[in-house]
Every structure is written in structure tokens, then in C-alpha cells.
PDB file of N, CA and C in Angstrom:
ATOM      1  N   MET A   1      73.711  29.968 -35.291  1.00  0.00           N
ATOM      2  CA  MET A   1      72.885  28.770 -35.458  1.00  0.00           C
ATOM      3  C   MET A   1      72.277  28.401 -34.112  1.00  0.00           C
ATOM      4  N   GLY A   2      70.965  28.209 -34.088  1.00  0.00           N
ATOM      5  CA  GLY A   2      70.284  27.879 -32.843  1.00  0.00           C
ATOM      6  C   GLY A   2      70.495  26.432 -32.436  1.00  0.00           C
ATOM      7  N   LEU A   3      70.120  26.149 -31.200  1.00  0.00           N
ATOM      8  CA  LEU A   3      70.283  24.802 -30.663  1.00  0.00           C
ATOM      9  C   LEU A   3      69.572  23.753 -31.514  1.00  0.00           C
ATOM     10  N   PHE A   4      68.303  24.014 -31.874  1.00  0.00           N
ATOM     11  CA  PHE A   4      67.553  23.023 -32.646  1.00  0.00           C
ATOM     12  C   PHE A   4      68.100  22.850 -34.051  1.00  0.00           C
ATOM     13  N   SER A   5      68.525  23.941 -34.679  1.00  0.00           N
ATOM     14  CA  SER A   5      69.038  23.801 -36.041  1.00  0.00           C
ATOM     15  C   SER A   5      70.339  23.012 -36.056  1.00  0.00           C
ATOM     16  N   SER A   6      71.099  23.054 -34.959  1.00  0.00           N
ATOM     17  CA  SER A   6      72.325  22.258 -34.933  1.00  0.00           C
ATOM     18  C   SER A   6      72.012  20.773 -34.826  1.00  0.00           C
ATOM     19  N   PHE A   7      70.856  20.441 -34.235  1.00  0.00           N
ATOM     20  CA  PHE A   7      70.446  19.039 -34.141  1.00  0.00           C
ATOM     21  C   PHE A   7      69.698  18.573 -35.379  1.00  0.00           C
ATOM     22  N   PHE A   8      68.849  19.429 -35.907  1.00  0.00           N
ATOM     23  CA  PHE A   8      67.938  19.021 -36.963  1.00  0.00           C
ATOM     24  C   PHE A   8      68.250  19.603 -38.331  1.00  0.00           C
ATOM     25  N   GLY A   9      69.246  20.453 -38.440  1.00  0.00           N
ATOM     26  CA  GLY A   9      69.546  21.076 -39.722  1.00  0.00           C
ATOM     27  C   GLY A   9      68.599  22.224 -39.983  1.00  0.00           C
ATOM     28  N   LYS A  10      68.757  22.840 -41.135  1.00  0.00           N
ATOM     29  CA  LYS A  10      67.908  24.000 -41.405  1.00  0.00           C
ATOM     30  C   LYS A  10      66.522  23.548 -41.843  1.00  0.00           C
ATOM     31  N   PRO A  11      65.503  24.349 -41.532  1.00  0.00           N
ATOM     32  CA  PRO A  11      64.129  23.974 -41.885  1.00  0.00           C
ATOM     33  C   PRO A  11      63.967  23.779 -43.397  1.00  0.00           C
ATOM     34  N   VAL A  12      63.127  22.832 -43.756  1.00  0.00           N
ATOM     35  CA  VAL A  12      62.875  22.523 -45.158  1.00  0.00           C
ATOM     36  C   VAL A  12      61.643  23.293 -45.624  1.00  0.00           C
ATOM     37  N   ASP A  13      61.752  23.947 -46.765  1.00  0.00           N
ATOM     38  CA  ASP A  13      60.621  24.663 -47.364  1.00  0.00           C
ATOM     39  C   ASP A  13      59.917  23.681 -48.310  1.00  0.00           C
ATOM     40  N   PHE A  14      58.982  22.908 -47.757  1.00  0.00           N
ATOM     41  CA  PHE A  14      58.309  21.876 -48.534  1.00  0.00           C
ATOM     42  C   PHE A  14      57.513  22.465 -49.698  1.00  0.00           C
ATOM     43  N   ALA A  15      56.889  23.617 -49.480  1.00  0.00           N
ATOM     44  CA  ALA A  15      56.105  24.245 -50.553  1.00  0.00           C
ATOM     45  C   ALA A  15      56.997  24.568 -51.743  1.00  0.00           C
ATOM     46  N   LYS A  16      58.172  25.079 -51.475  1.00  0.00           N
ATOM     47  CA  LYS A  16      59.116  25.423 -52.553  1.00  0.00           C
ATOM     48  C   LYS A  16      59.562  24.158 -53.285  1.00  0.00           C
ATOM     49  N   LEU A  17      59.875  23.108 -52.533  1.00  0.00           N
ATOM     50  CA  LEU A  17      60.313  21.856 -53.159  1.00  0.00           C
ATOM     51  C   LEU A  17      59.241  21.294 -54.079  1.00  0.00           C
ATOM     52  N   VAL A  18      57.986  21.313 -53.614  1.00  0.00           N
ATOM     53  CA  VAL A  18      56.879  20.795 -54.425  1.00  0.00           C
ATOM     54  C   VAL A  18      56.700  21.653 -55.671  1.00  0.00           C
ATOM     55  N   LYS A  19      56.772  22.957 -55.498  1.00  0.00           N
ATOM     56  CA  LYS A  19      56.640  23.867 -56.642  1.00  0.00           C
ATOM     57  C   LYS A  19      57.728  23.601 -57.683  1.00  0.00           C
ATOM     58  N   GLU A  20      58.897  23.190 -57.208  1.00  0.00           N
ATOM     59  CA  GLU A  20      60.029  22.911 -58.107  1.00  0.00           C
ATOM     60  C   GLU A  20      60.023  21.481 -58.638  1.00  0.00           C
ATOM     61  N   GLY A  21      58.968  20.707 -58.322  1.00  0.00           N
ATOM     62  CA  GLY A  21      58.827  19.378 -58.918  1.00  0.00           C
ATOM     63  C   GLY A  21      59.112  18.191 -58.024  1.00  0.00           C
ATOM     64  N   ALA A  22      59.240  18.407 -56.730  1.00  0.00           N
ATOM     65  CA  ALA A  22      59.477  17.278 -55.822  1.00  0.00           C
ATOM     66  C   ALA A  22      58.296  16.312 -55.862  1.00  0.00           C
ATOM     67  N   ILE A  23      58.601  15.062 -55.621  1.00  0.00           N
ATOM     68  CA  ILE A  23      57.579  14.016 -55.576  1.00  0.00           C
ATOM     69  C   ILE A  23      57.239  13.728 -54.122  1.00  0.00           C
ATOM     70  N   ILE A  24      55.942  13.714 -53.828  1.00  0.00           N
ATOM     71  CA  ILE A  24      55.494  13.343 -52.486  1.00  0.00           C
ATOM     72  C   ILE A  24      55.181  11.856 -52.509  1.00  0.00           C
ATOM     73  N   LEU A  25      55.894  11.121 -51.680  1.00  0.00           N
ATOM     74  CA  LEU A  25      55.740   9.671 -51.607  1.00  0.00           C
ATOM     75  C   LEU A  25      55.068   9.310 -50.293  1.00  0.00           C
ATOM     76  N   ASP A  26      53.827   8.854 -50.372  1.00  0.00           N
ATOM     77  CA  ASP A  26      53.048   8.467 -49.202  1.00  0.00           C
ATOM     78  C   ASP A  26      53.244   6.973 -48.996  1.00  0.00           C
ATOM     79  N   VAL A  27      53.809   6.592 -47.854  1.00  0.00           N
ATOM     80  CA  VAL A  27      54.159   5.183 -47.632  1.00  0.00           C
ATOM     81  C   VAL A  27      53.176   4.461 -46.701  1.00  0.00           C
ATOM     82  N   ARG A  28      51.971   5.023 -46.561  1.00  0.00           N
ATOM     83  CA  ARG A  28      50.930   4.332 -45.795  1.00  0.00           C
ATOM     84  C   ARG A  28      50.330   3.208 -46.634  1.00  0.00           C
ATOM     85  N   THR A  29      49.518   2.392 -45.993  1.00  0.00           N
ATOM     86  CA  THR A  29      48.857   1.308 -46.726  1.00  0.00           C
ATOM     87  C   THR A  29      47.862   1.897 -47.726  1.00  0.00           C
ATOM     88  N   ALA A  30      47.466   1.096 -48.690  1.00  0.00           N
ATOM     89  CA  ALA A  30      46.498   1.552 -49.693  1.00  0.00           C
ATOM     90  C   ALA A  30      45.185   1.967 -49.036  1.00  0.00           C
ATOM     91  N   GLY A  31      44.767   1.242 -47.999  1.00  0.00           N
ATOM     92  CA  GLY A  31      43.537   1.575 -47.285  1.00  0.00           C
ATOM     93  C   GLY A  31      43.625   2.931 -46.591  1.00  0.00           C
ATOM     94  N   GLU A  32      44.762   3.192 -45.951  1.00  0.00           N
ATOM     95  CA  GLU A  32      44.964   4.489 -45.299  1.00  0.00           C
ATOM     96  C   GLU A  32      44.963   5.604 -46.341  1.00  0.00           C
ATOM     97  N   TYR A  33      45.650   5.353 -47.432  1.00  0.00           N
ATOM     98  CA  TYR A  33      45.769   6.348 -48.509  1.00  0.00           C
ATOM     99  C   TYR A  33      44.393   6.675 -49.088  1.00  0.00           C
ATOM    100  N   SER A  34      43.563   5.655 -49.288  1.00  0.00           N
ATOM    101  CA  SER A  34      42.239   5.894 -49.873  1.00  0.00           C
ATOM    102  C   SER A  34      41.338   6.692 -48.925  1.00  0.00           C
ATOM    103  N   GLY A  35      41.682   6.706 -47.641  1.00  0.00           N
ATOM    104  CA  GLY A  35      40.910   7.464 -46.672  1.00  0.00           C
ATOM    105  C   GLY A  35      41.249   8.946 -46.645  1.00  0.00           C
ATOM    106  N   GLY A  36      42.241   9.336 -47.431  1.00  0.00           N
ATOM    107  CA  GLY A  36      42.655  10.737 -47.503  1.00  0.00           C
ATOM    108  C   GLY A  36      44.140  10.826 -47.790  1.00  0.00           C
ATOM    109  N   HIS A  37      44.506  11.761 -48.646  1.00  0.00           N
ATOM    110  CA  HIS A  37      45.912  11.906 -49.017  1.00  0.00           C
ATOM    111  C   HIS A  37      46.145  13.278 -49.664  1.00  0.00           C
ATOM    112  N   ILE A  38      47.396  13.584 -49.912  1.00  0.00           N
ATOM    113  CA  ILE A  38      47.758  14.820 -50.591  1.00  0.00           C
ATOM    114  C   ILE A  38      47.562  14.611 -52.090  1.00  0.00           C
ATOM    115  N   LYS A  39      46.812  15.512 -52.706  1.00  0.00           N
ATOM    116  CA  LYS A  39      46.555  15.414 -54.143  1.00  0.00           C
ATOM    117  C   LYS A  39      47.891  15.382 -54.907  1.00  0.00           C
ATOM    118  N   GLY A  40      47.996  14.419 -55.817  1.00  0.00           N
ATOM    119  CA  GLY A  40      49.195  14.292 -56.634  1.00  0.00           C
ATOM    120  C   GLY A  40      50.297  13.444 -56.015  1.00  0.00           C
ATOM    121  N   SER A  41      50.077  12.993 -54.776  1.00  0.00           N
ATOM    122  CA  SER A  41      51.105  12.158 -54.141  1.00  0.00           C
ATOM    123  C   SER A  41      51.078  10.753 -54.736  1.00  0.00           C
ATOM    124  N   LYS A  42      52.196  10.053 -54.581  1.00  0.00           N
ATOM    125  CA  LYS A  42      52.340   8.682 -55.077  1.00  0.00           C
ATOM    126  C   LYS A  42      52.281   7.762 -53.861  1.00  0.00           C
ATOM    127  N   ASN A  43      51.468   6.720 -53.929  1.00  0.00           N
ATOM    128  CA  ASN A  43      51.331   5.792 -52.811  1.00  0.00           C
ATOM    129  C   ASN A  43      52.074   4.493 -53.080  1.00  0.00           C
ATOM    130  N   ILE A  44      53.111   4.268 -52.287  1.00  0.00           N
ATOM    131  CA  ILE A  44      53.809   2.983 -52.287  1.00  0.00           C
ATOM    132  C   ILE A  44      53.996   2.620 -50.818  1.00  0.00           C
ATOM    133  N   PRO A  45      53.229   1.641 -50.310  1.00  0.00           N
ATOM    134  CA  PRO A  45      53.343   1.272 -48.905  1.00  0.00           C
ATOM    135  C   PRO A  45      54.777   0.893 -48.526  1.00  0.00           C
ATOM    136  N   LEU A  46      55.169   1.259 -47.307  1.00  0.00           N
ATOM    137  CA  LEU A  46      56.537   1.020 -46.845  1.00  0.00           C
ATOM    138  C   LEU A  46      56.967  -0.429 -47.029  1.00  0.00           C
ATOM    139  N   GLN A  47      56.073  -1.370 -46.731  1.00  0.00           N
ATOM    140  CA  GLN A  47      56.445  -2.786 -46.800  1.00  0.00           C
ATOM    141  C   GLN A  47      56.786  -3.251 -48.223  1.00  0.00           C
ATOM    142  N   SER A  48      56.357  -2.489 -49.239  1.00  0.00           N
ATOM    143  CA  SER A  48      56.680  -2.878 -50.620  1.00  0.00           C
ATOM    144  C   SER A  48      57.602  -1.866 -51.305  1.00  0.00           C
ATOM    145  N   LEU A  49      58.136  -0.923 -50.543  1.00  0.00           N
ATOM    146  CA  LEU A  49      58.964   0.133 -51.134  1.00  0.00           C
ATOM    147  C   LEU A  49      60.200  -0.419 -51.841  1.00  0.00           C
ATOM    148  N   GLN A  50      60.913  -1.305 -51.181  1.00  0.00           N
ATOM    149  CA  GLN A  50      62.153  -1.855 -51.749  1.00  0.00           C
ATOM    150  C   GLN A  50      61.902  -2.505 -53.114  1.00  0.00           C
ATOM    151  N   GLN A  51      60.782  -3.183 -53.273  1.00  0.00           N
ATOM    152  CA  GLN A  51      60.458  -3.867 -54.523  1.00  0.00           C
ATOM    153  C   GLN A  51      59.931  -2.914 -55.593  1.00  0.00           C
ATOM    154  N   ASN A  52      59.624  -1.679 -55.228  1.00  0.00           N
ATOM    155  CA  ASN A  52      59.035  -0.729 -56.169  1.00  0.00           C
ATOM    156  C   ASN A  52      59.888   0.513 -56.418  1.00  0.00           C
ATOM    157  N   LEU A  53      61.166   0.424 -56.126  1.00  0.00           N
ATOM    158  CA  LEU A  53      62.052   1.584 -56.313  1.00  0.00           C
ATOM    159  C   LEU A  53      62.081   2.059 -57.762  1.00  0.00           C
ATOM    160  N   SER A  54      61.853   1.149 -58.698  1.00  0.00           N
ATOM    161  CA  SER A  54      61.884   1.528 -60.117  1.00  0.00           C
ATOM    162  C   SER A  54      60.756   2.500 -60.476  1.00  0.00           C
ATOM    163  N   LYS A  55      59.740   2.605 -59.614  1.00  0.00           N
ATOM    164  CA  LYS A  55      58.619   3.516 -59.867  1.00  0.00           C
ATOM    165  C   LYS A  55      58.891   4.932 -59.363  1.00  0.00           C
ATOM    166  N   ILE A  56      60.056   5.120 -58.742  1.00  0.00           N
ATOM    167  CA  ILE A  56      60.389   6.421 -58.153  1.00  0.00           C
ATOM    168  C   ILE A  56      61.607   6.985 -58.885  1.00  0.00           C
ATOM    169  N   PRO A  57      61.452   8.117 -59.555  1.00  0.00           N
ATOM    170  CA  PRO A  57      62.574   8.692 -60.300  1.00  0.00           C
ATOM    171  C   PRO A  57      63.730   9.077 -59.374  1.00  0.00           C
ATOM    172  N   ARG A  58      64.940   8.772 -59.798  1.00  0.00           N
ATOM    173  CA  ARG A  58      66.127   9.086 -58.998  1.00  0.00           C
ATOM    174  C   ARG A  58      66.600  10.520 -59.179  1.00  0.00           C
ATOM    175  N   ASP A  59      66.092  11.194 -60.208  1.00  0.00           N
ATOM    176  CA  ASP A  59      66.565  12.554 -60.495  1.00  0.00           C
ATOM    177  C   ASP A  59      65.654  13.630 -59.910  1.00  0.00           C
ATOM    178  N   LYS A  60      64.736  13.241 -59.049  1.00  0.00           N
ATOM    179  CA  LYS A  60      63.799  14.188 -58.431  1.00  0.00           C
ATOM    180  C   LYS A  60      64.020  14.227 -56.926  1.00  0.00           C
ATOM    181  N   VAL A  61      63.642  15.340 -56.326  1.00  0.00           N
ATOM    182  CA  VAL A  61      63.614  15.433 -54.869  1.00  0.00           C
ATOM    183  C   VAL A  61      62.406  14.630 -54.398  1.00  0.00           C
ATOM    184  N   ILE A  62      62.588  13.851 -53.336  1.00  0.00           N
ATOM    185  CA  ILE A  62      61.512  13.019 -52.804  1.00  0.00           C
ATOM    186  C   ILE A  62      61.171  13.513 -51.395  1.00  0.00           C
ATOM    187  N   ILE A  63      59.874  13.662 -51.138  1.00  0.00           N
ATOM    188  CA  ILE A  63      59.383  13.997 -49.805  1.00  0.00           C
ATOM    189  C   ILE A  63      58.525  12.825 -49.357  1.00  0.00           C
ATOM    190  N   THR A  64      58.928  12.147 -48.298  1.00  0.00           N
ATOM    191  CA  THR A  64      58.161  11.006 -47.804  1.00  0.00           C
ATOM    192  C   THR A  64      57.158  11.478 -46.753  1.00  0.00           C
ATOM    193  N   CYS A  65      56.025  10.798 -46.678  1.00  0.00           N
ATOM    194  CA  CYS A  65      55.042  11.081 -45.632  1.00  0.00           C
ATOM    195  C   CYS A  65      54.292   9.803 -45.290  1.00  0.00           C
ATOM    196  N   CYS A  66      53.651   9.827 -44.122  1.00  0.00           N
ATOM    197  CA  CYS A  66      52.835   8.687 -43.677  1.00  0.00           C
ATOM    198  C   CYS A  66      51.766   9.231 -42.737  1.00  0.00           C
ATOM    199  N   ALA A  67      51.458   8.519 -41.675  1.00  0.00           N
ATOM    200  CA  ALA A  67      50.456   9.013 -40.733  1.00  0.00           C
ATOM    201  C   ALA A  67      51.086   9.894 -39.655  1.00  0.00           C
ATOM    202  N   SER A  68      52.265   9.480 -39.173  1.00  0.00           N
ATOM    203  CA  SER A  68      52.877  10.198 -38.050  1.00  0.00           C
ATOM    204  C   SER A  68      54.303  10.675 -38.290  1.00  0.00           C
ATOM    205  N   GLY A  69      54.980  10.083 -39.247  1.00  0.00           N
ATOM    206  CA  GLY A  69      56.379  10.425 -39.490  1.00  0.00           C
ATOM    207  C   GLY A  69      57.342   9.274 -39.246  1.00  0.00           C
ATOM    208  N   MET A  70      56.859   8.200 -38.636  1.00  0.00           N
ATOM    209  CA  MET A  70      57.722   7.049 -38.353  1.00  0.00           C
ATOM    210  C   MET A  70      58.033   6.244 -39.624  1.00  0.00           C
ATOM    211  N   ARG A  71      56.996   5.829 -40.340  1.00  0.00           N
ATOM    212  CA  ARG A  71      57.231   5.051 -41.563  1.00  0.00           C
ATOM    213  C   ARG A  71      57.917   5.891 -42.628  1.00  0.00           C
ATOM    214  N   SER A  72      57.590   7.188 -42.683  1.00  0.00           N
ATOM    215  CA  SER A  72      58.231   8.050 -43.677  1.00  0.00           C
ATOM    216  C   SER A  72      59.722   8.215 -43.365  1.00  0.00           C
ATOM    217  N   GLY A  73      60.079   8.168 -42.075  1.00  0.00           N
ATOM    218  CA  GLY A  73      61.492   8.203 -41.693  1.00  0.00           C
ATOM    219  C   GLY A  73      62.211   6.953 -42.160  1.00  0.00           C
ATOM    220  N   SER A  74      61.555   5.806 -42.011  1.00  0.00           N
ATOM    221  CA  SER A  74      62.132   4.546 -42.501  1.00  0.00           C
ATOM    222  C   SER A  74      62.267   4.572 -44.015  1.00  0.00           C
ATOM    223  N   ALA A  75      61.243   5.110 -44.695  1.00  0.00           N
ATOM    224  CA  ALA A  75      61.280   5.203 -46.158  1.00  0.00           C
ATOM    225  C   ALA A  75      62.442   6.091 -46.607  1.00  0.00           C
ATOM    226  N   LYS A  76      62.656   7.189 -45.908  1.00  0.00           N
ATOM    227  CA  LYS A  76      63.774   8.081 -46.237  1.00  0.00           C
ATOM    228  C   LYS A  76      65.088   7.315 -46.147  1.00  0.00           C
ATOM    229  N   SER A  77      65.271   6.547 -45.094  1.00  0.00           N
ATOM    230  CA  SER A  77      66.503   5.759 -44.928  1.00  0.00           C
ATOM    231  C   SER A  77      66.679   4.752 -46.060  1.00  0.00           C
ATOM    232  N   ILE A  78      65.597   4.076 -46.433  1.00  0.00           N
ATOM    233  CA  ILE A  78      65.653   3.099 -47.527  1.00  0.00           C
ATOM    234  C   ILE A  78      66.066   3.783 -48.827  1.00  0.00           C
ATOM    235  N   LEU A  79      65.443   4.923 -49.120  1.00  0.00           N
ATOM    236  CA  LEU A  79      65.741   5.630 -50.369  1.00  0.00           C
ATOM    237  C   LEU A  79      67.190   6.133 -50.397  1.00  0.00           C
ATOM    238  N   LEU A  80      67.643   6.707 -49.291  1.00  0.00           N
ATOM    239  CA  LEU A  80      69.022   7.199 -49.259  1.00  0.00           C
ATOM    240  C   LEU A  80      70.021   6.059 -49.409  1.00  0.00           C
ATOM    241  N   SER A  81      69.752   4.923 -48.756  1.00  0.00           N
ATOM    242  CA  SER A  81      70.668   3.788 -48.868  1.00  0.00           C
ATOM    243  C   SER A  81      70.590   3.117 -50.233  1.00  0.00           C
ATOM    244  N   SER A  82      69.534   3.459 -51.004  1.00  0.00           N
ATOM    245  CA  SER A  82      69.375   2.902 -52.350  1.00  0.00           C
ATOM    246  C   SER A  82      69.882   3.861 -53.431  1.00  0.00           C
ATOM    247  N   GLY A  83      70.534   4.932 -53.025  1.00  0.00           N
ATOM    248  CA  GLY A  83      71.165   5.825 -53.991  1.00  0.00           C
ATOM    249  C   GLY A  83      70.407   7.087 -54.352  1.00  0.00           C
ATOM    250  N   TYR A  84      69.288   7.343 -53.696  1.00  0.00           N
ATOM    251  CA  TYR A  84      68.576   8.597 -53.947  1.00  0.00           C
ATOM    252  C   TYR A  84      69.336   9.716 -53.256  1.00  0.00           C
ATOM    253  N   ASN A  85      69.450  10.858 -53.936  1.00  0.00           N
ATOM    254  CA  ASN A  85      70.298  11.934 -53.420  1.00  0.00           C
ATOM    255  C   ASN A  85      69.622  12.877 -52.454  1.00  0.00           C
ATOM    256  N   GLU A  86      68.412  13.310 -52.763  1.00  0.00           N
ATOM    257  CA  GLU A  86      67.746  14.284 -51.906  1.00  0.00           C
ATOM    258  C   GLU A  86      66.377  13.770 -51.498  1.00  0.00           C
ATOM    259  N   VAL A  87      66.290  13.367 -50.229  1.00  0.00           N
ATOM    260  CA  VAL A  87      65.055  12.823 -49.677  1.00  0.00           C
ATOM    261  C   VAL A  87      64.780  13.529 -48.354  1.00  0.00           C
ATOM    262  N   HIS A  88      63.548  13.975 -48.177  1.00  0.00           N
ATOM    263  CA  HIS A  88      63.148  14.659 -46.947  1.00  0.00           C
ATOM    264  C   HIS A  88      61.976  13.927 -46.321  1.00  0.00           C
ATOM    265  N   ASN A  89      62.000  13.802 -44.993  1.00  0.00           N
ATOM    266  CA  ASN A  89      60.883  13.219 -44.271  1.00  0.00           C
ATOM    267  C   ASN A  89      59.890  14.337 -43.995  1.00  0.00           C
ATOM    268  N   GLY A  90      58.746  14.282 -44.670  1.00  0.00           N
ATOM    269  CA  GLY A  90      57.709  15.282 -44.484  1.00  0.00           C
ATOM    270  C   GLY A  90      56.838  15.032 -43.274  1.00  0.00           C
ATOM    271  N   GLY A  91      57.004  13.881 -42.628  1.00  0.00           N
ATOM    272  CA  GLY A  91      56.217  13.560 -41.442  1.00  0.00           C
ATOM    273  C   GLY A  91      54.819  13.101 -41.797  1.00  0.00           C
ATOM    274  N   GLY A  92      53.882  13.422 -40.941  1.00  0.00           N
ATOM    275  CA  GLY A  92      52.482  13.046 -41.163  1.00  0.00           C
ATOM    276  C   GLY A  92      51.906  13.776 -42.358  1.00  0.00           C
ATOM    277  N   TRP A  93      51.092  13.088 -43.140  1.00  0.00           N
ATOM    278  CA  TRP A  93      50.574  13.678 -44.391  1.00  0.00           C
ATOM    279  C   TRP A  93      49.692  14.884 -44.136  1.00  0.00           C
ATOM    280  N   LYS A  94      48.914  14.877 -43.054  1.00  0.00           N
ATOM    281  CA  LYS A  94      48.040  16.016 -42.778  1.00  0.00           C
ATOM    282  C   LYS A  94      48.866  17.259 -42.437  1.00  0.00           C
ATOM    283  N   SER A  95      49.904  17.075 -41.677  1.00  0.00           N
ATOM    284  CA  SER A  95      50.790  18.189 -41.332  1.00  0.00           C
ATOM    285  C   SER A  95      51.514  18.693 -42.584  1.00  0.00           C
ATOM    286  N   LEU A  96      52.010  17.769 -43.384  1.00  0.00           N
ATOM    287  CA  LEU A  96      52.709  18.140 -44.622  1.00  0.00           C
ATOM    288  C   LEU A  96      51.773  18.899 -45.557  1.00  0.00           C
ATOM    289  N   LYS A  97      50.546  18.456 -45.657  1.00  0.00           N
ATOM    290  CA  LYS A  97      49.564  19.112 -46.523  1.00  0.00           C
ATOM    291  C   LYS A  97      49.422  20.585 -46.145  1.00  0.00           C
ATOM    292  N   GLY A  98      49.470  20.883 -44.866  1.00  0.00           N
ATOM    293  CA  GLY A  98      49.374  22.255 -44.399  1.00  0.00           C
ATOM    294  C   GLY A  98      50.603  23.095 -44.694  1.00  0.00           C
ATOM    295  N   LYS A  99      51.709  22.438 -44.983  1.00  0.00           N
ATOM    296  CA  LYS A  99      52.966  23.143 -45.265  1.00  0.00           C
ATOM    297  C   LYS A  99      53.182  23.411 -46.747  1.00  0.00           C
ATOM    298  N   ILE A 100      52.349  22.779 -47.579  1.00  0.00           N
ATOM    299  CA  ILE A 100      52.519  22.975 -49.022  1.00  0.00           C
ATOM    300  C   ILE A 100      51.333  23.696 -49.586  1.00  0.00           C
TER     301      ILE A 100
END
């Protein structure tokens, strides 16, 4: 196991997760989302995520994204603390788009 994998875990195959039905959750504002997003992603801004958990299935893998990876990291923490089992921070949406 390499140095980075011991810190960050094994790399995530986002393309495989999406192919298997993962949900991409974009937590940017509606205005940011309308300016460009990953086709098929669900937009729930971070500030309203807690109030909208019922819109996110608990039996699916969730991949969070935003502009840079900061808000998506916060969203991942919220989802995990709310009982979601498999949540991955996809980072910035443009970077994630290139990985899927």
C-alpha cells in the first residue's frame, strides 16, 4: 500500500459507480447549477440538504460534487451522519464529469 492510499484509501472508480446506479448529488446553488452541471445529477444546495434528505434514496450509492470539493465534503459528512451508508466526495463537478 502506497503512502497516499494509506491516507486517502483506495481510489474510487466513479464511472463504475455511476454505471451501477449511483446518484450524483450536486450541492451548489441553483444559479451555479443552471450555469452547467453533470447530466442526470440531482441539485440540492448544501444549505438546504438537511431539510431535503427525503429526496435522496438511502439504498443508493451517493456521489457528492460542487465547485471545488469543499461543499461536497460537507455534504458527504451530513449524509453519513444521517445514516447513508456509501457516500463519496466527487469533488468539483467539472473534474468529476471527466471521470465518468
